[in-house]
Amino acid sequence: MSIGDLVTWRHATKENSIEVEYGVIVERFDSRTAKEKHHWVSFINGKDSHKRRILCKESHLILVRDME
């Protein structure tokens, strides 16, 4: 995943009852203590769209082009 990629929450692709939220990766989060990769995501629609950006674990995100 890189800056500018269109992503959504991984759990939203498994559960049809949840509205799919789309977001764009705006920045990579660098930390010496974090063991997983994190990204700052700006969501376009859904419940998180009112926030400027959200810090997300890479394991919680999926690229939209990889969705079935």
N, C-alpha and C. Protein backbone atom coordinates (compact mmCIF):
# COMPACT_ATOMS: atom_id res chain seq x y z
N MET A 1 0.84 -1.18 0.00
CA MET A 1 0.00 0.00 0.00
C MET A 1 0.88 1.24 0.00
N SER A 2 0.43 2.23 -0.74
CA SER A 2 1.21 3.46 -0.82
C SER A 2 0.26 4.66 -0.83
N ILE A 3 0.84 5.84 -0.71
CA ILE A 3 0.06 7.09 -0.68
C ILE A 3 -0.73 7.22 -1.98
N GLY A 4 -2.01 7.56 -1.83
CA GLY A 4 -2.89 7.74 -2.99
C GLY A 4 -3.73 6.53 -3.31
N ASP A 5 -3.49 5.38 -2.68
CA ASP A 5 -4.28 4.18 -2.93
C ASP A 5 -5.68 4.30 -2.33
N LEU A 6 -6.67 3.78 -3.05
CA LEU A 6 -8.05 3.74 -2.58
C LEU A 6 -8.25 2.47 -1.77
N VAL A 7 -8.71 2.61 -0.52
CA VAL A 7 -8.83 1.47 0.39
C VAL A 7 -10.22 1.45 1.04
N THR A 8 -10.52 0.33 1.69
CA THR A 8 -11.71 0.19 2.51
C THR A 8 -11.35 -0.71 3.69
N TRP A 9 -12.25 -0.79 4.67
CA TRP A 9 -12.03 -1.65 5.83
C TRP A 9 -12.14 -3.10 5.40
N ARG A 10 -11.26 -3.96 5.86
CA ARG A 10 -11.26 -5.38 5.52
C ARG A 10 -12.54 -6.06 6.00
N HIS A 11 -13.03 -5.73 7.20
CA HIS A 11 -14.22 -6.39 7.73
C HIS A 11 -15.48 -6.04 6.95
N ALA A 12 -15.50 -4.91 6.28
CA ALA A 12 -16.67 -4.49 5.51
C ALA A 12 -16.87 -5.36 4.28
N THR A 13 -15.81 -5.97 3.80
CA THR A 13 -15.93 -6.83 2.62
C THR A 13 -16.50 -8.19 2.99
N LYS A 14 -16.45 -8.56 4.26
CA LYS A 14 -16.94 -9.86 4.71
C LYS A 14 -18.39 -9.80 5.17
N GLU A 15 -18.82 -8.64 5.66
CA GLU A 15 -20.16 -8.48 6.18
C GLU A 15 -20.96 -7.57 5.26
N ASN A 16 -22.01 -8.10 4.66
CA ASN A 16 -22.79 -7.32 3.70
C ASN A 16 -23.66 -6.27 4.37
N SER A 17 -23.89 -6.37 5.69
CA SER A 17 -24.77 -5.43 6.37
C SER A 17 -24.10 -4.09 6.66
N ILE A 18 -22.78 -4.02 6.57
CA ILE A 18 -22.05 -2.79 6.88
C ILE A 18 -21.88 -1.97 5.59
N GLU A 19 -22.15 -0.68 5.68
CA GLU A 19 -21.91 0.21 4.53
C GLU A 19 -20.41 0.27 4.27
N VAL A 20 -20.04 0.07 3.04
CA VAL A 20 -18.62 0.09 2.68
C VAL A 20 -18.13 1.53 2.65
N GLU A 21 -17.07 1.79 3.41
CA GLU A 21 -16.46 3.12 3.45
C GLU A 21 -15.22 3.11 2.58
N TYR A 22 -15.06 4.13 1.77
CA TYR A 22 -13.89 4.25 0.92
C TYR A 22 -13.02 5.39 1.41
N GLY A 23 -11.71 5.17 1.36
CA GLY A 23 -10.78 6.20 1.79
C GLY A 23 -9.52 6.18 0.95
N VAL A 24 -8.73 7.22 1.08
CA VAL A 24 -7.48 7.37 0.36
C VAL A 24 -6.35 7.47 1.38
N ILE A 25 -5.29 6.72 1.14
CA ILE A 25 -4.12 6.81 2.02
C ILE A 25 -3.44 8.15 1.75
N VAL A 26 -3.31 8.96 2.80
CA VAL A 26 -2.73 10.29 2.64
C VAL A 26 -1.30 10.41 3.19
N GLU A 27 -0.94 9.48 4.08
CA GLU A 27 0.40 9.58 4.67
C GLU A 27 0.73 8.25 5.34
N ARG A 28 2.01 7.91 5.36
CA ARG A 28 2.46 6.73 6.08
C ARG A 28 2.83 7.14 7.50
N PHE A 29 2.49 6.32 8.47
CA PHE A 29 2.81 6.60 9.86
C PHE A 29 4.10 5.88 10.21
N ASP A 30 5.10 6.62 10.64
CA ASP A 30 6.39 6.03 11.01
C ASP A 30 6.54 6.04 12.52
N SER A 31 6.82 4.85 13.07
CA SER A 31 7.02 4.74 14.51
C SER A 31 8.08 3.67 14.76
N ARG A 32 8.92 3.93 15.68
CA ARG A 32 9.95 2.96 16.03
C ARG A 32 9.41 1.85 16.91
N THR A 33 8.32 2.12 17.62
CA THR A 33 7.78 1.13 18.55
C THR A 33 6.68 0.26 17.95
N ALA A 34 6.02 0.70 16.88
CA ALA A 34 4.94 -0.07 16.28
C ALA A 34 5.51 -1.25 15.50
N LYS A 35 4.96 -2.44 15.74
CA LYS A 35 5.43 -3.63 15.04
C LYS A 35 4.72 -3.82 13.72
N GLU A 36 3.54 -3.24 13.57
CA GLU A 36 2.78 -3.33 12.32
C GLU A 36 2.87 -2.01 11.57
N LYS A 37 2.63 -2.06 10.26
CA LYS A 37 2.59 -0.84 9.46
C LYS A 37 1.27 -0.13 9.69
N HIS A 38 1.31 1.19 9.73
CA HIS A 38 0.13 2.03 9.90
C HIS A 38 0.10 3.09 8.80
N HIS A 39 -1.12 3.52 8.46
CA HIS A 39 -1.29 4.55 7.46
C HIS A 39 -2.33 5.55 7.94
N TRP A 40 -2.17 6.81 7.58
CA TRP A 40 -3.19 7.82 7.79
C TRP A 40 -4.12 7.77 6.58
N VAL A 41 -5.42 7.60 6.83
CA VAL A 41 -6.40 7.47 5.76
C VAL A 41 -7.45 8.56 5.91
N SER A 42 -7.78 9.20 4.80
CA SER A 42 -8.86 10.18 4.75
C SER A 42 -10.05 9.51 4.07
N PHE A 43 -11.14 9.30 4.82
CA PHE A 43 -12.30 8.60 4.28
C PHE A 43 -13.21 9.56 3.53
N ILE A 44 -13.75 9.07 2.42
CA ILE A 44 -14.58 9.86 1.53
C ILE A 44 -16.05 9.80 1.92
N ASN A 45 -16.50 8.63 2.37
CA ASN A 45 -17.90 8.44 2.76
C ASN A 45 -17.98 7.62 4.04
N GLY A 46 -19.16 7.57 4.63
CA GLY A 46 -19.37 6.75 5.82
C GLY A 46 -19.16 7.50 7.11
N LYS A 47 -19.15 6.74 8.21
CA LYS A 47 -19.11 7.35 9.54
C LYS A 47 -17.81 8.08 9.85
N ASP A 48 -16.70 7.71 9.19
CA ASP A 48 -15.41 8.34 9.47
C ASP A 48 -15.08 9.48 8.51
N SER A 49 -16.00 9.83 7.61
CA SER A 49 -15.70 10.85 6.60
C SER A 49 -15.64 12.26 7.17
N HIS A 50 -16.22 12.49 8.36
CA HIS A 50 -16.20 13.83 8.94
C HIS A 50 -14.86 14.17 9.59
N LYS A 51 -14.03 13.15 9.82
CA LYS A 51 -12.72 13.38 10.43
C LYS A 51 -11.70 13.67 9.33
N ARG A 52 -10.70 14.46 9.67
CA ARG A 52 -9.67 14.83 8.68
C ARG A 52 -8.91 13.60 8.20
N ARG A 53 -8.50 12.76 9.13
CA ARG A 53 -7.80 11.53 8.79
C ARG A 53 -7.87 10.57 9.98
N ILE A 54 -7.72 9.29 9.70
CA ILE A 54 -7.80 8.23 10.70
C ILE A 54 -6.52 7.40 10.61
N LEU A 55 -5.94 7.06 11.77
CA LEU A 55 -4.77 6.18 11.79
C LEU A 55 -5.25 4.74 11.75
N CYS A 56 -4.80 3.97 10.76
CA CYS A 56 -5.28 2.61 10.54
C CYS A 56 -4.12 1.63 10.43
N LYS A 57 -4.30 0.43 11.00
CA LYS A 57 -3.33 -0.64 10.78
C LYS A 57 -3.48 -1.15 9.36
N GLU A 58 -2.38 -1.48 8.74
CA GLU A 58 -2.44 -2.00 7.38
C GLU A 58 -3.23 -3.30 7.32
N SER A 59 -3.19 -4.10 8.38
CA SER A 59 -3.92 -5.37 8.39
C SER A 59 -5.44 -5.17 8.43
N HIS A 60 -5.91 -3.99 8.80
CA HIS A 60 -7.34 -3.69 8.84
C HIS A 60 -7.87 -3.14 7.52
N LEU A 61 -6.98 -2.85 6.59
CA LEU A 61 -7.36 -2.24 5.31
C LEU A 61 -7.21 -3.22 4.16
N ILE A 62 -7.94 -2.97 3.09
CA ILE A 62 -7.81 -3.74 1.86
C ILE A 62 -7.88 -2.75 0.69
N LEU A 63 -7.07 -2.98 -0.31
CA LEU A 63 -7.13 -2.15 -1.51
C LEU A 63 -8.42 -2.44 -2.26
N VAL A 64 -9.07 -1.41 -2.75
CA VAL A 64 -10.34 -1.59 -3.46
C VAL A 64 -10.15 -2.43 -4.72
N ARG A 65 -9.03 -2.29 -5.39
CA ARG A 65 -8.80 -3.06 -6.61
C ARG A 65 -8.62 -4.56 -6.31
N ASP A 66 -8.35 -4.93 -5.05
CA ASP A 66 -8.19 -6.33 -4.67
C ASP A 66 -9.49 -6.98 -4.20
N MET A 67 -10.56 -6.20 -4.11
CA MET A 67 -11.84 -6.74 -3.65
C MET A 67 -12.42 -7.64 -4.73
N GLU A 68 -13.12 -8.69 -4.30
CA GLU A 68 -13.76 -9.61 -5.25
C GLU A 68 -15.07 -9.07 -5.72
